[in-house]
Amino acid sequence: MRNQTERQSWHLVLVPCPFQGHLNPMLQLATILHSKGFSITIAHTIYNSPSPQNHPDFTFLPIPEGDISSSPDIDIIDLLLGINVNCKLSFQQSLANHKQILKQQDVEEGIACVISDELMYFAEAVADNLRLPSIILRTSSTATFLARSALLQLKEQGLIPFHDSCSHEMVPKLHLLRERSILSEKEVAEMAWGLANSEQPFLWVVRPGSIHGSNWIELLPKGFRDGVGERGCIVKWAPQKEVLGHEAVGGFWSHCGWNSTLESICEGVPMICRPCFGDQRVNSRYLCHEWRVGLELERLERGEIERAIRKLILDDEGKEMRVRAKDLKERVEVSTGKGGSSHNYLNELVDLIKSF
């Protein structure tokens, strides 16, 4: 058996949310903490589970979530509620067993901490039950965190929820929030012809099930693919960070989730912003009006899409945005480099975990 100085002595259990914009940051944090001397266990749902082959140094602990639909248009709230209800007992049993295994392997410190995504709130409850320290990871921006704090103050002042006199009945046939990420056939047609008419090369990631009434791209307008030829490439999935890091990429069209926003900033790529819900609108405002590295797309209309793409890629305004994006990237590199603020905060996190 290896002695104390030869093995990872501090053991962490990380519980990511299975949505890609939440999963990637948790795995990146795990990689950083592993480099700081921690052993890592990823406790994950079966739904959209991470690949152990991509992280051979980690231990993976599946948490059965029961009979939850994996349909791409499932109600996101129902999915999260189901995961938190169904995973609590199985995670508690798995974590208790994991503690026992570590004890049998003579891992003196055992589990130092449970780090869970804020949406996987069952994990914090289980950690409390087992008397384990826990930390919550939020994958949205600081501005969103401050906005949430402000909402609590407004609630205490009785300003929200709104009084009856301020409420309105829902407009008939108004799409629910969860459907904002599902495109209609008309929206797809506008996007397609906007891309085609811009006459710029593009990579278009269309997730299966993201177009209403279509398994994939069956509803693309007639003549579109022949019209763009080899200038356009349509795929079901792409490694976003690697794509953004390619020198041929001149812009990124995104909903502006915080993970995508950070990846674009870190690669110095300006954005076309089409926010839908959550923190995306706040992120878009910062990109377009504060940092000035983004163009906000107000409507999914082919003419507006064409103009935005051509402005970003061809016009002087787009060139100026790329200069600002490069400057922002360099500032991020200073922050994450040795002695930078992000680098120092990570070291403080390591010290905090070791103090438990």
Protein backbone atom coordinates (compact mmCIF):
# COMPACT_ATOMS: atom_id res chain seq x y z
CA MET A 1 0.00 0.00 0.00
CA ARG A 2 1.25 3.48 -0.85
CA ASN A 3 2.17 5.64 2.11
CA GLN A 4 0.51 8.94 3.03
CA THR A 5 2.81 11.09 0.90
CA GLU A 6 2.34 8.93 -2.22
CA ARG A 7 -1.45 9.01 -2.49
CA GLN A 8 -4.18 11.58 -2.80
CA SER A 9 -5.14 11.99 0.87
CA TRP A 10 -8.16 14.28 0.54
CA HIS A 11 -11.25 12.80 -1.06
CA LEU A 12 -14.02 14.86 -2.67
CA VAL A 13 -17.42 13.83 -4.01
CA LEU A 14 -18.77 16.11 -6.74
CA VAL A 15 -22.43 16.01 -7.83
CA PRO A 16 -23.01 17.76 -11.19
CA CYS A 17 -26.36 18.68 -12.70
CA PRO A 18 -26.77 16.67 -15.93
CA PHE A 19 -27.30 19.71 -18.19
CA GLN A 20 -24.23 20.37 -20.33
CA GLY A 21 -23.77 23.98 -19.20
CA HIS A 22 -23.67 22.73 -15.60
CA LEU A 23 -21.81 19.47 -16.16
CA ASN A 24 -18.77 20.98 -17.91
CA PRO A 25 -17.92 23.54 -15.19
CA MET A 26 -18.17 20.87 -12.49
CA LEU A 27 -15.82 18.56 -14.40
CA GLN A 28 -13.41 21.46 -14.97
CA LEU A 29 -13.47 22.22 -11.24
CA ALA A 30 -12.83 18.53 -10.54
CA THR A 31 -9.80 18.59 -12.83
CA ILE A 32 -8.38 21.65 -11.05
CA LEU A 33 -8.96 20.17 -7.59
CA HIS A 34 -7.38 16.88 -8.66
CA SER A 35 -4.27 18.83 -9.71
CA LYS A 36 -4.21 20.30 -6.18
CA GLY A 37 -3.92 16.86 -4.58
CA PHE A 38 -7.52 15.71 -4.14
CA SER A 39 -8.97 12.36 -5.12
CA ILE A 40 -12.20 12.85 -7.06
CA THR A 41 -15.45 10.90 -7.21
CA ILE A 42 -18.14 12.10 -9.62
CA ALA A 43 -21.61 11.08 -8.42
CA HIS A 44 -23.82 11.43 -11.48
CA THR A 45 -27.26 10.62 -12.82
CA ILE A 46 -27.71 8.03 -15.55
CA TYR A 47 -29.41 10.75 -17.59
CA ASN A 48 -26.76 12.53 -19.70
CA SER A 49 -23.97 10.88 -17.71
CA PRO A 50 -20.34 11.99 -18.25
CA SER A 51 -17.84 9.70 -19.97
CA PRO A 52 -15.36 8.02 -17.57
CA GLN A 53 -12.99 7.51 -20.51
CA ASN A 54 -12.44 11.26 -20.68
CA HIS A 55 -11.42 11.41 -17.01
CA PRO A 56 -9.41 8.27 -16.19
CA ASP A 57 -8.16 9.69 -12.87
CA PHE A 58 -11.68 10.06 -11.44
CA THR A 59 -13.97 7.51 -9.83
CA PHE A 60 -17.52 7.56 -11.20
CA LEU A 61 -20.49 6.74 -9.00
CA PRO A 62 -23.83 6.36 -10.87
CA ILE A 63 -26.96 7.52 -9.05
CA PRO A 64 -30.12 5.84 -10.40
CA GLU A 65 -32.77 8.51 -10.92
CA GLY A 66 -35.66 6.17 -11.59
CA ASP A 67 -38.14 6.41 -14.45
CA ILE A 68 -37.44 9.88 -15.78
CA SER A 69 -38.01 10.58 -19.47
CA SER A 70 -34.95 11.48 -21.54
CA SER A 71 -37.07 13.14 -24.23
CA PRO A 72 -35.37 16.38 -25.39
CA ASP A 73 -38.59 18.38 -24.92
CA ILE A 74 -39.30 17.18 -21.38
CA ASP A 75 -40.40 19.87 -18.93
CA ILE A 76 -37.14 20.97 -17.31
CA ILE A 77 -38.81 21.67 -13.95
CA ASP A 78 -40.40 18.21 -13.89
CA LEU A 79 -37.02 16.67 -14.73
CA LEU A 80 -35.21 18.50 -11.92
CA LEU A 81 -37.91 17.75 -9.37
CA GLY A 82 -37.87 14.08 -10.37
CA ILE A 83 -34.10 13.87 -10.08
CA ASN A 84 -34.06 15.48 -6.63
CA VAL A 85 -36.85 13.26 -5.31
CA ASN A 86 -35.62 10.00 -6.84
CA CYS A 87 -31.88 10.43 -6.27
CA LYS A 88 -31.85 11.33 -2.58
CA LEU A 89 -32.18 7.83 -1.13
CA SER A 90 -29.94 6.14 -3.70
CA PHE A 91 -27.27 8.82 -3.25
CA GLN A 92 -27.37 8.48 0.53
CA GLN A 93 -26.91 4.71 0.25
CA SER A 94 -24.14 5.07 -2.33
CA LEU A 95 -22.34 7.74 -0.32
CA ALA A 96 -22.55 5.71 2.89
CA ASN A 97 -21.14 2.68 1.05
CA HIS A 98 -18.42 4.88 -0.47
CA LYS A 99 -17.41 6.10 3.00
CA GLN A 100 -17.15 2.49 4.17
CA ILE A 101 -15.01 1.51 1.18
CA LEU A 102 -12.63 4.41 1.81
CA LYS A 103 -12.37 3.34 5.45
CA GLN A 104 -11.54 -0.23 4.41
CA GLN A 105 -8.86 1.15 2.06
CA ASP A 106 -7.33 2.97 5.03
CA VAL A 107 -8.04 6.41 3.62
CA GLU A 108 -7.62 8.24 6.91
CA GLU A 109 -9.45 11.46 6.05
CA GLY A 110 -12.37 9.80 4.25
CA ILE A 111 -14.65 12.18 2.36
CA ALA A 112 -13.47 15.73 2.99
CA CYS A 113 -16.38 17.46 1.30
CA VAL A 114 -19.38 17.08 -1.03
CA ILE A 115 -19.53 19.70 -3.79
CA SER A 116 -22.89 19.83 -5.55
CA ASP A 117 -24.57 21.90 -8.22
CA GLU A 118 -27.17 24.23 -6.72
CA LEU A 119 -29.90 22.49 -8.73
CA MET A 120 -29.00 19.11 -7.19
CA TYR A 121 -30.16 20.17 -3.74
CA PHE A 122 -30.74 16.59 -2.60
CA ALA A 123 -26.95 16.22 -2.33
CA GLU A 124 -26.63 18.92 0.33
CA ALA A 125 -29.42 17.29 2.37
CA VAL A 126 -27.65 13.92 2.17
CA ALA A 127 -24.32 15.47 3.18
CA ASP A 128 -26.01 17.02 6.22
CA ASN A 129 -27.56 13.65 7.14
CA LEU A 130 -24.13 11.99 6.98
CA ARG A 131 -22.45 14.89 8.81
CA LEU A 132 -20.25 15.76 5.85
CA PRO A 133 -19.17 19.29 4.91
CA SER A 134 -20.74 20.54 1.70
CA ILE A 135 -20.21 23.33 -0.82
CA ILE A 136 -22.67 24.50 -3.48
CA LEU A 137 -21.46 25.34 -6.99
CA ARG A 138 -23.40 27.96 -8.93
CA THR A 139 -22.74 28.00 -12.67
CA SER A 140 -24.34 31.37 -13.42
CA SER A 141 -22.81 34.84 -13.21
CA THR A 142 -22.20 37.01 -10.15
CA ALA A 143 -24.72 39.52 -11.52
CA THR A 144 -27.39 36.81 -11.42
CA PHE A 145 -26.43 35.97 -7.84
CA LEU A 146 -26.83 39.62 -6.84
CA ALA A 147 -30.18 39.81 -8.63
CA ARG A 148 -31.39 36.81 -6.65
CA SER A 149 -30.34 38.51 -3.42
CA ALA A 150 -32.30 41.60 -4.47
CA LEU A 151 -35.40 39.47 -5.08
CA LEU A 152 -35.23 38.22 -1.49
CA GLN A 153 -35.19 41.82 -0.26
CA LEU A 154 -38.14 42.72 -2.49
CA LYS A 155 -40.06 39.76 -1.11
CA GLU A 156 -39.35 40.83 2.48
CA GLN A 157 -40.68 44.29 1.60
CA GLY A 158 -43.88 42.76 0.24
CA LEU A 159 -43.22 43.99 -3.30
CA ILE A 160 -43.22 40.46 -4.75
CA PRO A 161 -45.12 38.40 -5.59
CA PHE A 162 -47.08 41.12 -7.37
CA HIS A 163 -50.40 42.28 -5.97
CA ASP A 164 -53.58 41.10 -7.68
CA SER A 165 -54.05 44.51 -9.29
CA CYS A 166 -50.75 44.06 -11.11
CA SER A 167 -51.38 40.52 -12.28
CA HIS A 168 -52.65 39.49 -15.68
CA GLU A 169 -54.08 36.30 -17.04
CA MET A 170 -51.81 34.31 -19.29
CA VAL A 171 -52.21 35.15 -22.96
CA PRO A 172 -53.93 32.21 -24.72
CA LYS A 173 -51.51 29.89 -26.55
CA LEU A 174 -48.50 31.69 -25.03
CA HIS A 175 -45.56 29.30 -25.10
CA LEU A 176 -44.28 28.09 -21.76
CA LEU A 177 -40.78 28.99 -20.65
CA ARG A 178 -39.46 25.52 -21.30
CA GLU A 179 -40.46 25.76 -24.95
CA ARG A 180 -38.29 28.79 -25.68
CA SER A 181 -35.39 26.48 -26.55
CA ILE A 182 -37.54 24.48 -29.00
CA LEU A 183 -37.61 26.10 -32.44
CA SER A 184 -40.65 26.24 -34.68
CA GLU A 185 -40.43 25.39 -38.38
CA LYS A 186 -40.78 29.10 -39.22
CA GLU A 187 -37.96 30.09 -36.87
CA VAL A 188 -35.70 27.44 -38.37
CA ALA A 189 -36.47 28.72 -41.87
CA GLU A 190 -35.58 32.29 -40.86
CA MET A 191 -32.32 31.14 -39.27
CA ALA A 192 -31.44 29.01 -42.29
CA TRP A 193 -32.03 31.73 -44.87
CA GLY A 194 -30.31 34.32 -42.69
CA LEU A 195 -27.22 32.12 -42.61
CA ALA A 196 -27.45 31.39 -46.33
CA ASN A 197 -27.97 35.02 -47.37
CA SER A 198 -25.02 36.22 -45.28
CA GLU A 199 -22.77 34.28 -47.68
CA GLN A 200 -20.43 33.45 -44.79
CA PRO A 201 -19.18 29.93 -43.95
CA PHE A 202 -20.77 28.46 -40.84
CA LEU A 203 -20.94 25.49 -38.48
CA TRP A 204 -24.51 25.00 -37.21
CA VAL A 205 -25.10 22.69 -34.25
CA VAL A 206 -28.70 21.44 -34.27
CA ARG A 207 -29.45 19.25 -31.28
CA PRO A 208 -31.81 16.33 -32.07
CA GLY A 209 -35.30 17.20 -30.89
CA SER A 210 -34.64 20.95 -30.80
CA ILE A 211 -36.97 21.61 -33.76
CA HIS A 212 -40.67 21.17 -33.03
CA GLY A 213 -42.16 18.28 -34.99
CA SER A 214 -38.78 17.04 -36.25
CA ASN A 215 -36.27 14.46 -35.09
CA TRP A 216 -33.38 16.49 -36.47
CA ILE A 217 -33.20 18.69 -39.59
CA GLU A 218 -36.02 17.24 -41.68
CA LEU A 219 -37.81 20.61 -41.62
CA LEU A 220 -34.99 22.71 -43.05
CA PRO A 221 -36.39 24.76 -45.95
CA LYS A 222 -36.29 23.25 -49.41
CA GLY A 223 -33.26 24.35 -51.40
CA PHE A 224 -31.30 25.55 -48.36
CA ARG A 225 -28.69 22.80 -48.23
CA ASP A 226 -28.10 22.86 -51.98
CA GLY A 227 -27.82 26.65 -51.82
CA VAL A 228 -25.12 26.78 -49.16
CA GLY A 229 -23.24 23.69 -50.39
CA GLU A 230 -19.93 23.13 -48.64
CA ARG A 231 -20.05 26.62 -47.14
CA GLY A 232 -22.30 25.31 -44.36
CA CYS A 233 -21.82 22.34 -42.05
CA ILE A 234 -24.69 21.06 -39.87
CA VAL A 235 -23.94 18.65 -37.02
CA LYS A 236 -25.78 17.19 -34.02
CA TRP A 237 -23.01 18.03 -31.56
CA ALA A 238 -19.61 19.71 -31.50
CA PRO A 239 -16.93 20.22 -28.80
CA GLN A 240 -17.80 23.86 -28.21
CA LYS A 241 -14.64 24.96 -26.40
CA GLU A 242 -12.37 23.39 -29.01
CA VAL A 243 -14.39 24.91 -31.86
CA LEU A 244 -14.26 28.38 -30.31
CA GLY A 245 -10.50 28.03 -29.95
CA HIS A 246 -10.02 27.46 -33.70
CA GLU A 247 -8.46 30.40 -35.54
CA ALA A 248 -11.06 30.18 -38.32
CA VAL A 249 -13.94 31.11 -35.99
CA GLY A 250 -14.92 34.77 -36.32
CA GLY A 251 -18.09 34.78 -34.24
CA PHE A 252 -20.37 32.70 -32.02
CA TRP A 253 -24.19 32.76 -32.12
CA SER A 254 -25.43 31.74 -28.68
CA HIS A 255 -28.28 31.93 -26.16
CA CYS A 256 -25.63 33.36 -23.79
CA GLY A 257 -25.73 30.84 -20.97
CA TRP A 258 -22.91 31.68 -18.57
CA ASN A 259 -20.82 28.64 -19.50
CA SER A 260 -20.98 29.49 -23.21
CA THR A 261 -20.32 33.15 -22.44
CA LEU A 262 -17.18 32.31 -20.47
CA GLU A 263 -15.90 29.92 -23.13
CA SER A 264 -16.36 32.56 -25.82
CA ILE A 265 -14.65 35.24 -23.72
CA CYS A 266 -11.76 32.92 -22.87
CA GLU A 267 -11.16 32.29 -26.58
CA GLY A 268 -11.54 35.95 -27.59
CA VAL A 269 -14.55 35.33 -29.86
CA PRO A 270 -17.26 38.02 -30.24
CA MET A 271 -20.89 36.91 -30.13
CA ILE A 272 -24.31 37.24 -31.69
CA CYS A 273 -26.62 37.12 -28.68
CA ARG A 274 -30.10 35.58 -28.72
CA PRO A 275 -31.03 35.14 -25.01
CA CYS A 276 -34.11 33.14 -24.02
CA PHE A 277 -34.50 32.84 -20.24
CA GLY A 278 -32.76 32.62 -16.88
CA ASP A 279 -29.49 34.53 -16.64
CA GLN A 280 -29.11 34.70 -20.42
CA ARG A 281 -30.62 38.19 -20.76
CA VAL A 282 -28.32 39.62 -18.09
CA ASN A 283 -25.31 37.99 -19.74
CA SER A 284 -26.36 39.37 -23.12
CA ARG A 285 -26.62 42.90 -21.71
CA TYR A 286 -23.08 42.69 -20.38
CA LEU A 287 -21.73 41.27 -23.64
CA CYS A 288 -23.45 43.86 -25.84
CA HIS A 289 -23.54 47.03 -23.73
CA GLU A 290 -20.82 46.75 -21.06
CA TRP A 291 -17.99 44.77 -22.65
CA ARG A 292 -19.15 45.56 -26.21
CA VAL A 293 -18.14 42.19 -27.62
CA GLY A 294 -21.63 41.11 -28.69
CA LEU A 295 -24.50 42.02 -31.03
CA GLU A 296 -28.01 41.43 -29.67
CA LEU A 297 -30.42 39.76 -32.09
CA GLU A 298 -33.87 41.13 -31.33
CA ARG A 299 -35.88 38.94 -33.72
CA LEU A 300 -35.42 35.68 -35.58
CA GLU A 301 -35.93 37.31 -38.97
CA ARG A 302 -33.75 36.41 -41.94
CA GLY A 303 -32.87 40.00 -42.87
CA GLU A 304 -31.88 40.89 -39.31
CA ILE A 305 -29.86 37.67 -39.01
CA GLU A 306 -28.05 38.35 -42.29
CA ARG A 307 -27.20 41.92 -41.23
CA ALA A 308 -25.92 40.80 -37.82
CA ILE A 309 -23.65 38.14 -39.32
CA ARG A 310 -22.24 40.43 -41.98
CA LYS A 311 -21.72 43.22 -39.43
CA LEU A 312 -19.85 40.86 -37.11
CA ILE A 313 -17.68 39.23 -39.77
CA LEU A 314 -17.19 41.90 -42.45
CA ASP A 315 -17.80 45.41 -41.07
CA ASP A 316 -15.42 47.65 -39.15
CA GLU A 317 -17.70 47.36 -36.11
CA GLY A 318 -17.08 43.61 -36.08
CA LYS A 319 -13.32 44.14 -36.36
CA GLU A 320 -13.43 46.51 -33.39
CA MET A 321 -15.40 43.92 -31.42
CA ARG A 322 -12.73 41.30 -32.13
CA VAL A 323 -10.08 43.67 -30.80
CA ARG A 324 -12.09 44.17 -27.60
CA ALA A 325 -12.73 40.42 -27.34
CA LYS A 326 -9.00 39.73 -27.62
CA ASP A 327 -8.32 42.32 -24.90
CA LEU A 328 -10.96 40.71 -22.68
CA LYS A 329 -9.35 37.30 -23.27
CA GLU A 330 -5.96 38.66 -22.18
CA ARG A 331 -7.48 40.10 -19.01
CA VAL A 332 -9.02 36.71 -18.23
CA GLU A 333 -5.63 35.06 -18.73
CA VAL A 334 -4.10 37.47 -16.20
CA SER A 335 -6.90 36.68 -13.74
CA THR A 336 -6.48 32.91 -14.07
CA GLY A 337 -2.67 33.02 -14.14
CA LYS A 338 -0.44 32.72 -11.10
CA GLY A 339 -1.17 35.59 -8.71
CA GLY A 340 -4.37 36.55 -10.52
CA SER A 341 -7.66 36.95 -8.68
CA SER A 342 -9.27 33.73 -9.96
CA HIS A 343 -6.07 31.78 -9.29
CA ASN A 344 -5.96 33.12 -5.72
CA TYR A 345 -9.65 32.37 -5.09
CA LEU A 346 -9.14 28.76 -6.16
CA ASN A 347 -6.27 28.45 -3.70
CA GLU A 348 -8.56 29.86 -1.00
CA LEU A 349 -11.15 27.21 -1.92
CA VAL A 350 -8.52 24.49 -1.49
CA ASP A 351 -7.56 25.90 1.91
CA LEU A 352 -11.23 26.05 2.93
CA ILE A 353 -11.83 22.40 2.04
CA LYS A 354 -8.74 21.31 3.95
CA SER A 355 -9.94 23.25 7.00
CA PHE A 356 -13.13 21.16 7.37
